[in-house]
């Protein structure tokens, strides 16, 4: 099941899951991953715009079709390609983040926005590194595959939340298959670590 290559959800999920097995670390990521995505969009609001969409309701400016928009769009489309149902929800969250970031950035103005973004990013990243260092006892995925880690993180925590609270899985047997892959990946990592020590 699942597509091969770029849109192979099992492969992506197993890669990311191998770095996020500890429940406390997963919970920390659930709290901090989407705020990192959102605050990045706040900063991207200040990149040059291709076009402005006028708001249907009263607001001083429209929504900026800038780097932030295309950044959110790439994430949204990637998630839909990975899994139609959860991906559509992920895409909707990306869109809401983009719209919200436009309003927040415009109201804060650049001189205040970058300070807010910097503080939020430092706080969220610190939390995640603590999650890895203290609870997971394994370096973050981004040290091994930066693009995959950044692209998968928001979707991983979304799928984890959907599975935890609603028992959702993209197709029957998905979590069992991924768990086997994650266990194999962790076993391989532990063996490699053991060889380096000995």
N, C-alpha and C. Protein backbone atom coordinates (compact mmCIF):
# COMPACT_ATOMS: atom_id res chain seq x y z
N UNK A 1 0.84 -1.21 0.00
CA UNK A 1 0.00 0.00 0.00
C UNK A 1 0.87 1.26 0.00
N UNK A 2 0.27 2.37 -0.39
CA UNK A 2 0.98 3.66 -0.38
C UNK A 2 1.82 3.83 -1.63
N UNK A 3 2.08 5.05 -2.00
CA UNK A 3 2.88 5.33 -3.19
C UNK A 3 4.35 5.13 -2.90
N UNK A 4 5.10 4.95 -3.97
CA UNK A 4 6.54 4.81 -3.81
C UNK A 4 7.21 6.18 -3.90
N UNK A 5 8.45 6.25 -3.46
CA UNK A 5 9.24 7.45 -3.65
C UNK A 5 8.82 8.64 -2.83
N UNK A 6 8.69 9.77 -3.51
CA UNK A 6 8.43 11.05 -2.87
C UNK A 6 7.16 11.05 -2.01
N UNK A 7 6.13 10.35 -2.46
CA UNK A 7 4.86 10.36 -1.73
C UNK A 7 4.60 9.05 -0.98
N UNK A 8 5.68 8.35 -0.63
CA UNK A 8 5.56 7.12 0.14
C UNK A 8 5.39 7.48 1.62
N UNK A 9 4.14 7.51 2.07
CA UNK A 9 3.83 7.94 3.43
C UNK A 9 4.48 7.03 4.47
N UNK A 10 4.44 5.71 4.22
CA UNK A 10 5.04 4.76 5.16
C UNK A 10 6.52 5.05 5.37
N UNK A 11 7.22 5.26 4.26
CA UNK A 11 8.67 5.51 4.32
C UNK A 11 8.96 6.80 5.10
N UNK A 12 8.25 7.89 4.76
CA UNK A 12 8.44 9.17 5.43
C UNK A 12 8.11 9.07 6.92
N UNK A 13 6.98 8.43 7.21
CA UNK A 13 6.50 8.32 8.58
C UNK A 13 7.45 7.47 9.42
N UNK A 14 7.96 6.39 8.82
CA UNK A 14 8.89 5.51 9.53
C UNK A 14 10.22 6.23 9.80
N UNK A 15 10.68 6.99 8.81
CA UNK A 15 11.92 7.77 8.98
C UNK A 15 11.76 8.72 10.16
N UNK A 16 10.69 9.49 10.15
CA UNK A 16 10.48 10.49 11.19
C UNK A 16 10.15 9.83 12.53
N UNK A 17 9.35 8.77 12.46
CA UNK A 17 8.92 8.06 13.67
C UNK A 17 10.07 7.44 14.44
N UNK A 18 11.13 7.05 13.72
CA UNK A 18 12.29 6.44 14.37
C UNK A 18 13.01 7.42 15.30
N UNK A 19 12.79 8.70 15.08
CA UNK A 19 13.40 9.74 15.91
C UNK A 19 12.43 10.23 16.98
N UNK A 20 11.20 9.75 16.90
CA UNK A 20 10.15 10.24 17.81
C UNK A 20 9.33 9.06 18.32
N UNK A 21 9.91 8.33 19.27
CA UNK A 21 9.25 7.14 19.81
C UNK A 21 8.76 7.41 21.23
N UNK A 22 9.47 8.31 21.91
CA UNK A 22 9.13 8.62 23.30
C UNK A 22 7.86 9.48 23.36
N UNK A 23 6.86 9.05 24.16
CA UNK A 23 5.58 9.80 24.21
C UNK A 23 5.73 11.26 24.66
N UNK A 24 6.64 11.52 25.59
CA UNK A 24 6.84 12.91 26.05
C UNK A 24 7.41 13.75 24.91
N UNK A 25 8.38 13.19 24.18
CA UNK A 25 8.97 13.90 23.05
C UNK A 25 7.93 14.16 21.96
N UNK A 26 7.08 13.17 21.70
CA UNK A 26 6.01 13.33 20.69
C UNK A 26 5.06 14.45 21.13
N UNK A 27 4.71 14.47 22.42
CA UNK A 27 3.81 15.50 22.94
C UNK A 27 4.43 16.89 22.80
N UNK A 28 5.74 16.99 23.12
CA UNK A 28 6.46 18.27 22.99
C UNK A 28 6.39 18.74 21.53
N UNK A 29 6.58 17.80 20.60
CA UNK A 29 6.51 18.15 19.18
C UNK A 29 5.10 18.57 18.77
N UNK A 30 4.10 17.90 19.33
CA UNK A 30 2.71 18.28 19.04
C UNK A 30 2.45 19.73 19.43
N UNK A 31 3.07 20.16 20.52
CA UNK A 31 2.89 21.54 21.00
C UNK A 31 3.66 22.56 20.17
N UNK A 32 4.86 22.18 19.71
CA UNK A 32 5.77 23.18 19.16
C UNK A 32 5.96 23.19 17.64
N UNK A 33 5.64 22.10 16.95
CA UNK A 33 5.93 22.03 15.51
C UNK A 33 5.10 23.04 14.70
N UNK A 34 3.79 23.05 14.92
CA UNK A 34 2.94 23.96 14.13
C UNK A 34 3.22 25.44 14.44
N UNK A 35 3.50 25.82 15.70
CA UNK A 35 3.90 27.22 15.95
C UNK A 35 5.17 27.63 15.19
N UNK A 36 6.10 26.69 15.00
CA UNK A 36 7.30 26.99 14.22
C UNK A 36 6.91 27.28 12.78
N UNK A 37 6.02 26.46 12.24
CA UNK A 37 5.52 26.65 10.87
C UNK A 37 4.83 28.01 10.75
N UNK A 38 3.94 28.29 11.71
CA UNK A 38 3.16 29.53 11.69
C UNK A 38 4.05 30.77 11.78
N UNK A 39 5.00 30.77 12.72
CA UNK A 39 5.85 31.95 12.90
C UNK A 39 6.80 32.15 11.71
N UNK A 40 7.17 31.04 11.04
CA UNK A 40 7.97 31.17 9.81
C UNK A 40 7.17 31.94 8.76
N UNK A 41 5.88 31.62 8.67
CA UNK A 41 5.00 32.31 7.71
C UNK A 41 4.86 33.80 8.05
N UNK A 42 4.88 34.11 9.34
CA UNK A 42 4.79 35.52 9.77
C UNK A 42 5.97 36.29 9.18
N UNK A 43 7.16 35.69 9.27
CA UNK A 43 8.35 36.35 8.73
C UNK A 43 8.32 36.41 7.20
N UNK A 44 7.82 35.34 6.57
CA UNK A 44 7.75 35.29 5.10
C UNK A 44 6.77 36.31 4.53
N UNK A 45 5.88 36.84 5.40
CA UNK A 45 4.94 37.87 4.95
C UNK A 45 5.68 39.08 4.40
N UNK A 46 6.89 39.31 4.93
CA UNK A 46 7.65 40.50 4.55
C UNK A 46 8.52 40.30 3.30
N UNK A 47 8.35 39.15 2.62
CA UNK A 47 9.05 38.94 1.35
C UNK A 47 8.24 39.62 0.24
N UNK A 48 8.86 39.96 -0.90
CA UNK A 48 8.13 40.66 -1.97
C UNK A 48 6.90 39.89 -2.45
N UNK A 49 5.83 40.61 -2.73
CA UNK A 49 4.58 39.98 -3.17
C UNK A 49 4.45 39.95 -4.68
N UNK A 50 3.87 38.86 -5.16
CA UNK A 50 3.57 38.74 -6.58
C UNK A 50 2.26 39.48 -6.86
N UNK A 51 1.35 39.37 -5.87
CA UNK A 51 -0.01 39.88 -6.08
C UNK A 51 -0.69 40.03 -4.72
N UNK A 52 -1.65 40.95 -4.62
CA UNK A 52 -2.45 41.10 -3.40
C UNK A 52 -3.88 40.68 -3.67
N UNK A 53 -4.43 39.82 -2.82
CA UNK A 53 -5.84 39.45 -2.92
C UNK A 53 -6.62 40.39 -2.01
N UNK A 54 -7.67 41.00 -2.52
CA UNK A 54 -8.47 41.87 -1.67
C UNK A 54 -9.37 41.05 -0.76
N UNK A 55 -9.48 41.51 0.50
CA UNK A 55 -10.34 40.80 1.45
C UNK A 55 -11.80 41.07 1.12
N UNK A 56 -12.66 40.06 1.29
CA UNK A 56 -14.09 40.30 1.08
C UNK A 56 -14.68 41.17 2.19
N UNK A 57 -13.98 41.25 3.34
CA UNK A 57 -14.46 42.08 4.44
C UNK A 57 -13.45 43.22 4.65
N UNK A 58 -13.81 44.16 5.49
CA UNK A 58 -12.97 45.35 5.67
C UNK A 58 -11.62 45.04 6.32
N UNK A 59 -10.57 45.27 5.58
CA UNK A 59 -9.23 45.23 6.16
C UNK A 59 -8.35 46.13 5.31
N UNK A 60 -7.33 46.67 5.92
CA UNK A 60 -6.54 47.70 5.23
C UNK A 60 -5.80 47.18 4.00
N UNK A 61 -5.38 45.92 4.04
CA UNK A 61 -4.69 45.32 2.89
C UNK A 61 -5.25 43.93 2.65
N UNK A 62 -4.96 43.40 1.48
CA UNK A 62 -5.39 42.04 1.19
C UNK A 62 -4.36 41.03 1.68
N UNK A 63 -4.51 39.80 1.20
CA UNK A 63 -3.56 38.74 1.54
C UNK A 63 -2.43 38.77 0.53
N UNK A 64 -1.21 38.68 1.01
CA UNK A 64 -0.06 38.78 0.12
C UNK A 64 0.32 37.43 -0.49
N UNK A 65 0.32 37.40 -1.85
CA UNK A 65 0.79 36.19 -2.53
C UNK A 65 2.30 36.31 -2.67
N UNK A 66 2.99 35.94 -1.60
CA UNK A 66 4.44 36.07 -1.57
C UNK A 66 5.07 34.71 -1.27
N UNK A 67 6.32 34.71 -0.83
CA UNK A 67 7.02 33.46 -0.55
C UNK A 67 6.26 32.63 0.49
N UNK A 68 5.67 33.31 1.48
CA UNK A 68 4.90 32.61 2.52
C UNK A 68 3.75 31.80 1.94
N UNK A 69 3.06 32.38 0.95
CA UNK A 69 1.94 31.69 0.31
C UNK A 69 2.42 30.43 -0.39
N UNK A 70 3.50 30.54 -1.17
CA UNK A 70 4.00 29.39 -1.93
C UNK A 70 4.59 28.33 -1.01
N UNK A 71 5.19 28.78 0.08
CA UNK A 71 5.73 27.88 1.10
C UNK A 71 4.59 27.04 1.69
N UNK A 72 3.50 27.71 2.09
CA UNK A 72 2.34 27.01 2.67
C UNK A 72 1.68 26.10 1.63
N UNK A 73 1.64 26.56 0.37
CA UNK A 73 1.03 25.79 -0.72
C UNK A 73 1.78 24.49 -0.98
N UNK A 74 3.12 24.55 -0.97
CA UNK A 74 3.93 23.34 -1.20
C UNK A 74 3.64 22.32 -0.10
N UNK A 75 3.63 22.77 1.14
CA UNK A 75 3.32 21.88 2.26
C UNK A 75 1.93 21.27 2.09
N UNK A 76 0.94 22.13 1.79
CA UNK A 76 -0.45 21.69 1.65
C UNK A 76 -0.59 20.61 0.57
N UNK A 77 -0.02 20.86 -0.61
CA UNK A 77 -0.12 19.91 -1.72
C UNK A 77 0.61 18.60 -1.40
N UNK A 78 1.77 18.71 -0.75
CA UNK A 78 2.53 17.53 -0.38
C UNK A 78 1.72 16.63 0.57
N UNK A 79 1.04 17.25 1.54
CA UNK A 79 0.25 16.48 2.51
C UNK A 79 -0.95 15.80 1.85
N UNK A 80 -1.60 16.49 0.92
CA UNK A 80 -2.74 15.90 0.22
C UNK A 80 -2.28 14.69 -0.61
N UNK A 81 -1.09 14.82 -1.22
CA UNK A 81 -0.54 13.70 -2.01
C UNK A 81 -0.18 12.51 -1.14
N UNK A 82 0.22 12.78 0.11
CA UNK A 82 0.59 11.69 1.02
C UNK A 82 -0.63 10.91 1.48
N UNK A 83 -1.70 11.63 1.81
CA UNK A 83 -2.93 10.99 2.31
C UNK A 83 -4.10 11.95 2.11
N UNK A 84 -5.08 11.51 1.35
CA UNK A 84 -6.20 12.41 0.99
C UNK A 84 -6.92 13.00 2.20
N UNK A 85 -7.32 12.16 3.16
CA UNK A 85 -8.12 12.65 4.29
C UNK A 85 -7.32 13.51 5.25
N UNK A 86 -6.31 12.91 5.89
CA UNK A 86 -5.50 13.67 6.85
C UNK A 86 -4.74 14.79 6.14
N UNK A 87 -4.35 14.54 4.88
CA UNK A 87 -3.64 15.54 4.10
C UNK A 87 -4.49 16.76 3.81
N UNK A 88 -5.78 16.54 3.58
CA UNK A 88 -6.69 17.67 3.34
C UNK A 88 -6.84 18.51 4.61
N UNK A 89 -6.87 17.83 5.76
CA UNK A 89 -6.93 18.56 7.03
C UNK A 89 -5.63 19.33 7.24
N UNK A 90 -4.50 18.68 6.94
CA UNK A 90 -3.19 19.33 7.03
C UNK A 90 -3.11 20.55 6.12
N UNK A 91 -3.65 20.40 4.90
CA UNK A 91 -3.65 21.50 3.92
C UNK A 91 -4.49 22.67 4.43
N UNK A 92 -5.63 22.33 5.05
CA UNK A 92 -6.51 23.37 5.61
C UNK A 92 -5.79 24.13 6.73
N UNK A 93 -5.07 23.39 7.59
CA UNK A 93 -4.32 24.03 8.68
C UNK A 93 -3.23 24.94 8.10
N UNK A 94 -2.57 24.48 7.03
CA UNK A 94 -1.54 25.30 6.36
C UNK A 94 -2.16 26.61 5.85
N UNK A 95 -3.35 26.51 5.25
CA UNK A 95 -4.04 27.68 4.71
C UNK A 95 -4.44 28.64 5.82
N UNK A 96 -4.98 28.08 6.91
CA UNK A 96 -5.37 28.91 8.06
C UNK A 96 -4.14 29.61 8.66
N UNK A 97 -3.03 28.87 8.74
CA UNK A 97 -1.77 29.46 9.25
C UNK A 97 -1.32 30.62 8.35
N UNK A 98 -1.44 30.42 7.03
CA UNK A 98 -1.02 31.47 6.10
C UNK A 98 -1.88 32.73 6.27
N UNK A 99 -3.21 32.54 6.31
CA UNK A 99 -4.12 33.69 6.47
C UNK A 99 -3.85 34.37 7.81
N UNK A 100 -3.75 33.58 8.88
CA UNK A 100 -3.51 34.14 10.22
C UNK A 100 -2.18 34.87 10.30
N UNK A 101 -1.15 34.30 9.65
CA UNK A 101 0.18 34.93 9.68
C UNK A 101 0.18 36.27 8.95
N UNK A 102 -0.62 36.37 7.88
CA UNK A 102 -0.75 37.64 7.14
C UNK A 102 -1.30 38.74 8.05
N UNK A 103 -2.38 38.39 8.76
CA UNK A 103 -3.01 39.38 9.64
C UNK A 103 -2.11 39.78 10.79
N UNK A 104 -1.47 38.77 11.41
CA UNK A 104 -0.60 39.05 12.54
C UNK A 104 0.60 39.90 12.11
N UNK A 105 1.24 39.50 11.01
CA UNK A 105 2.42 40.22 10.52
C UNK A 105 2.09 41.67 10.18
N UNK A 106 0.95 41.87 9.53
CA UNK A 106 0.56 43.22 9.12
C UNK A 106 0.28 44.10 10.34
N UNK A 107 -0.36 43.49 11.36
CA UNK A 107 -0.69 44.26 12.56
C UNK A 107 0.53 44.55 13.43
N UNK A 108 1.50 43.61 13.44
CA UNK A 108 2.71 43.81 14.25
C UNK A 108 3.67 44.78 13.58
N UNK A 109 3.77 44.68 12.25
CA UNK A 109 4.78 45.46 11.53
C UNK A 109 6.12 44.76 11.65
N UNK A 110 7.00 45.00 10.69
CA UNK A 110 8.25 44.24 10.62
C UNK A 110 9.12 44.34 11.87
N UNK A 111 9.29 45.57 12.40
CA UNK A 111 10.22 45.77 13.52
C UNK A 111 9.82 44.98 14.78
N UNK A 112 8.53 44.78 14.97
CA UNK A 112 8.08 43.99 16.12
C UNK A 112 7.94 42.51 15.74
N UNK A 113 7.47 42.25 14.52
CA UNK A 113 7.22 40.88 14.07
C UNK A 113 8.46 39.98 14.16
N UNK A 114 9.60 40.48 13.69
CA UNK A 114 10.78 39.61 13.70
C UNK A 114 11.23 39.28 15.11
N UNK A 115 11.00 40.19 16.07
CA UNK A 115 11.36 39.93 17.47
C UNK A 115 10.44 38.86 18.06
N UNK A 116 9.14 38.96 17.76
CA UNK A 116 8.16 37.98 18.23
C UNK A 116 8.48 36.60 17.64
N UNK A 117 8.78 36.59 16.34
CA UNK A 117 9.11 35.34 15.64
C UNK A 117 10.38 34.72 16.24
N UNK A 118 11.40 35.53 16.44
CA UNK A 118 12.65 35.04 16.99
C UNK A 118 12.44 34.41 18.38
N UNK A 119 11.69 35.12 19.23
CA UNK A 119 11.41 34.61 20.59
C UNK A 119 10.64 33.29 20.53
N UNK A 120 9.61 33.24 19.68
CA UNK A 120 8.78 32.03 19.55
C UNK A 120 9.60 30.86 19.00
N UNK A 121 10.40 31.13 17.98
CA UNK A 121 11.22 30.07 17.38
C UNK A 121 12.24 29.53 18.38
N UNK A 122 12.92 30.42 19.08
CA UNK A 122 13.90 29.99 20.09
C UNK A 122 13.24 29.12 21.16
N UNK A 123 12.08 29.56 21.62
CA UNK A 123 11.34 28.83 22.66
C UNK A 123 10.94 27.44 22.16
N UNK A 124 10.35 27.39 20.96
CA UNK A 124 9.87 26.12 20.40
C UNK A 124 11.01 25.16 20.07
N UNK A 125 12.08 25.69 19.46
CA UNK A 125 13.22 24.83 19.12
C UNK A 125 13.91 24.30 20.36
N UNK A 126 14.04 25.15 21.39
CA UNK A 126 14.65 24.72 22.65
C UNK A 126 13.85 23.57 23.25
N UNK A 127 12.53 23.73 23.26
CA UNK A 127 11.64 22.68 23.77
C UNK A 127 11.85 21.36 23.05
N UNK A 128 11.98 21.44 21.72
CA UNK A 128 12.16 20.22 20.94
C UNK A 128 13.52 19.57 21.17
N UNK A 129 14.56 20.39 21.29
CA UNK A 129 15.89 19.82 21.56
C UNK A 129 15.94 19.18 22.95
N UNK A 130 15.21 19.77 23.91
CA UNK A 130 15.11 19.16 25.24
C UNK A 130 14.38 17.81 25.12
N UNK A 131 13.32 17.80 24.31
CA UNK A 131 12.57 16.57 24.07
C UNK A 131 13.45 15.45 23.55
N UNK A 132 14.34 15.81 22.63
CA UNK A 132 15.25 14.81 22.06
C UNK A 132 16.36 14.42 23.03
N UNK A 133 16.95 15.41 23.66
CA UNK A 133 18.09 15.15 24.55
C UNK A 133 17.71 14.43 25.83
N UNK A 134 16.62 14.89 26.46
CA UNK A 134 16.24 14.36 27.77
C UNK A 134 15.37 13.10 27.65
N UNK A 135 14.38 13.14 26.75
CA UNK A 135 13.41 12.04 26.70
C UNK A 135 13.69 11.01 25.61
N UNK A 136 13.98 11.48 24.41
CA UNK A 136 14.20 10.55 23.29
C UNK A 136 15.60 9.95 23.35
N UNK A 137 16.55 10.74 23.86
CA UNK A 137 17.96 10.35 23.90
C UNK A 137 18.49 10.00 22.51
N UNK A 138 18.02 10.76 21.52
CA UNK A 138 18.50 10.61 20.14
C UNK A 138 18.44 11.98 19.46
N UNK A 139 19.46 12.28 18.66
CA UNK A 139 19.51 13.57 17.95
C UNK A 139 18.29 13.72 17.04
N UNK A 140 17.84 14.96 16.78
CA UNK A 140 16.68 15.17 15.91
C UNK A 140 16.89 14.68 14.48
N UNK A 141 15.79 14.38 13.81
CA UNK A 141 15.82 13.87 12.43
C UNK A 141 16.48 14.85 11.47
N UNK A 142 16.36 16.15 11.76
CA UNK A 142 16.87 17.15 10.82
C UNK A 142 18.39 17.08 10.65
N UNK A 143 19.08 16.44 11.60
CA UNK A 143 20.53 16.29 11.47
C UNK A 143 20.89 15.24 10.41
N UNK A 144 19.93 14.35 10.11
CA UNK A 144 20.17 13.31 9.10
C UNK A 144 19.55 13.63 7.74
N UNK A 145 18.40 14.30 7.75
CA UNK A 145 17.74 14.66 6.50
C UNK A 145 16.90 15.92 6.74
N UNK A 146 17.51 17.06 6.46
CA UNK A 146 16.92 18.35 6.77
C UNK A 146 15.56 18.57 6.09
N UNK A 147 15.52 18.36 4.77
CA UNK A 147 14.30 18.63 4.00
C UNK A 147 13.16 17.71 4.45
N UNK A 148 13.46 16.41 4.57
CA UNK A 148 12.44 15.46 4.97
C UNK A 148 11.91 15.76 6.38
N UNK A 149 12.82 16.12 7.29
CA UNK A 149 12.41 16.43 8.65
C UNK A 149 11.50 17.65 8.69
N UNK A 150 11.89 18.71 7.96
CA UNK A 150 11.08 19.94 7.95
C UNK A 150 9.72 19.73 7.28
N UNK A 151 9.71 18.99 6.18
CA UNK A 151 8.46 18.75 5.46
C UNK A 151 7.52 17.83 6.24
N UNK A 152 8.09 16.81 6.88
CA UNK A 152 7.26 15.80 7.54
C UNK A 152 6.79 16.18 8.93
N UNK A 153 7.56 17.02 9.64
CA UNK A 153 7.24 17.30 11.05
C UNK A 153 5.79 17.71 11.31
N UNK A 154 5.24 18.73 10.61
CA UNK A 154 3.86 19.11 10.90
C UNK A 154 2.85 17.98 10.62
N UNK A 155 3.11 17.23 9.53
CA UNK A 155 2.17 16.15 9.17
C UNK A 155 2.29 14.98 10.13
N UNK A 156 3.52 14.71 10.58
CA UNK A 156 3.74 13.62 11.54
C UNK A 156 2.95 13.87 12.82
N UNK A 157 3.06 15.09 13.38
CA UNK A 157 2.35 15.36 14.63
C UNK A 157 0.83 15.38 14.42
N UNK A 158 0.40 15.80 13.24
CA UNK A 158 -1.04 15.78 12.93
C UNK A 158 -1.55 14.34 12.88
N UNK A 159 -0.83 13.46 12.18
CA UNK A 159 -1.22 12.05 12.11
C UNK A 159 -1.17 11.38 13.48
N UNK A 160 -0.15 11.73 14.27
CA UNK A 160 -0.04 11.18 15.63
C UNK A 160 -1.26 11.58 16.47
N UNK A 161 -1.65 12.86 16.35
CA UNK A 161 -2.81 13.36 17.11
C UNK A 161 -4.09 12.67 16.65
N UNK A 162 -4.25 12.53 15.32
CA UNK A 162 -5.45 11.87 14.78
C UNK A 162 -5.54 10.42 15.20
N UNK A 163 -4.37 9.76 15.26
CA UNK A 163 -4.37 8.35 15.68
C UNK A 163 -4.64 8.24 17.18
N UNK A 164 -3.99 9.09 17.97
CA UNK A 164 -4.15 9.04 19.42
C UNK A 164 -5.58 9.33 19.86
N UNK A 165 -6.17 10.38 19.29
CA UNK A 165 -7.49 10.82 19.75
C UNK A 165 -8.67 10.21 19.00
N UNK A 166 -8.46 9.82 17.73
CA UNK A 166 -9.59 9.31 16.94
C UNK A 166 -9.35 7.93 16.36
N UNK A 167 -8.17 7.35 16.63
CA UNK A 167 -7.86 6.02 16.11
C UNK A 167 -7.72 6.01 14.59
N UNK A 168 -7.39 7.17 14.00
CA UNK A 168 -7.32 7.26 12.54
C UNK A 168 -6.04 6.63 12.00
N UNK A 169 -6.17 5.92 10.89
CA UNK A 169 -4.98 5.54 10.12
C UNK A 169 -5.31 5.65 8.64
N UNK A 170 -4.31 6.05 7.82
CA UNK A 170 -4.55 6.30 6.40
C UNK A 170 -5.19 5.11 5.66
N UNK A 171 -4.82 3.91 6.06
CA UNK A 171 -5.45 2.68 5.53
C UNK A 171 -5.20 1.57 6.55
N UNK A 172 -6.03 0.53 6.56
CA UNK A 172 -5.88 -0.55 7.55
C UNK A 172 -4.48 -1.15 7.53
N UNK A 173 -3.90 -1.29 8.71
CA UNK A 173 -2.58 -1.89 8.84
C UNK A 173 -1.43 -0.91 8.72
N UNK A 174 -1.75 0.37 8.48
CA UNK A 174 -0.70 1.38 8.31
C UNK A 174 0.21 1.47 9.53
N UNK A 175 -0.39 1.63 10.71
CA UNK A 175 0.41 1.83 11.93
C UNK A 175 1.22 0.60 12.29
N UNK A 176 0.66 -0.59 12.03
CA UNK A 176 1.40 -1.83 12.32
C UNK A 176 2.63 -1.94 11.42
N UNK A 177 2.44 -1.63 10.13
CA UNK A 177 3.55 -1.68 9.17
C UNK A 177 4.63 -0.66 9.53
N UNK A 178 4.18 0.55 9.85
CA UNK A 178 5.13 1.62 10.19
C UNK A 178 5.87 1.28 11.48
N UNK A 179 5.15 0.72 12.46
CA UNK A 179 5.78 0.37 13.74
C UNK A 179 6.91 -0.65 13.50
N UNK A 180 6.66 -1.63 12.64
CA UNK A 180 7.68 -2.63 12.33
C UNK A 180 8.91 -1.97 11.69
N UNK A 181 8.66 -1.03 10.78
CA UNK A 181 9.76 -0.31 10.11
C UNK A 181 10.53 0.56 11.11
N UNK A 182 9.80 1.21 12.00
CA UNK A 182 10.42 2.07 13.02
C UNK A 182 11.29 1.23 13.95
N UNK A 183 10.74 0.10 14.41
CA UNK A 183 11.49 -0.79 15.31
C UNK A 183 12.77 -1.29 14.65
N UNK A 184 12.67 -1.64 13.37
CA UNK A 184 13.84 -2.12 12.62
C UNK A 184 14.89 -1.02 12.48
N UNK A 185 14.40 0.20 12.20
CA UNK A 185 15.28 1.36 12.03
C UNK A 185 16.01 1.70 13.35
N UNK A 186 15.27 1.64 14.47
CA UNK A 186 15.85 1.92 15.78
C UNK A 186 16.87 0.85 16.16
N UNK A 187 16.54 -0.41 15.87
CA UNK A 187 17.44 -1.53 16.15
C UNK A 187 18.77 -1.34 15.39
N UNK A 188 18.64 -0.95 14.13
CA UNK A 188 19.81 -0.72 13.27
C UNK A 188 20.66 0.44 13.83
N UNK A 189 19.97 1.50 14.26
CA UNK A 189 20.65 2.67 14.83
C UNK A 189 21.39 2.30 16.11
N UNK A 190 20.74 1.49 16.97
CA UNK A 190 21.36 1.07 18.23
C UNK A 190 22.59 0.19 17.99
N UNK A 191 22.47 -0.69 16.99
CA UNK A 191 23.60 -1.57 16.64
C UNK A 191 24.79 -0.76 16.12
N UNK A 192 24.49 0.23 15.27
CA UNK A 192 25.54 1.11 14.74
C UNK A 192 26.22 1.88 15.86
N UNK A 193 25.39 2.38 16.80
CA UNK A 193 25.90 3.14 17.95
C UNK A 193 26.79 2.24 18.81
N UNK A 194 26.36 1.00 18.99
CA UNK A 194 27.09 0.02 19.80
C UNK A 194 28.46 -0.26 19.18
N UNK A 195 28.47 -0.40 17.82
CA UNK A 195 29.72 -0.66 17.09
C UNK A 195 30.71 0.49 17.26
N UNK A 196 30.18 1.72 17.25
CA UNK A 196 31.05 2.90 17.41
C UNK A 196 31.68 2.93 18.80
N UNK A 197 30.91 2.49 19.80
CA UNK A 197 31.39 2.49 21.19
C UNK A 197 32.46 1.40 21.35
N UNK A 198 32.17 0.19 20.84
CA UNK A 198 33.09 -0.94 21.03
C UNK A 198 34.34 -0.87 20.15
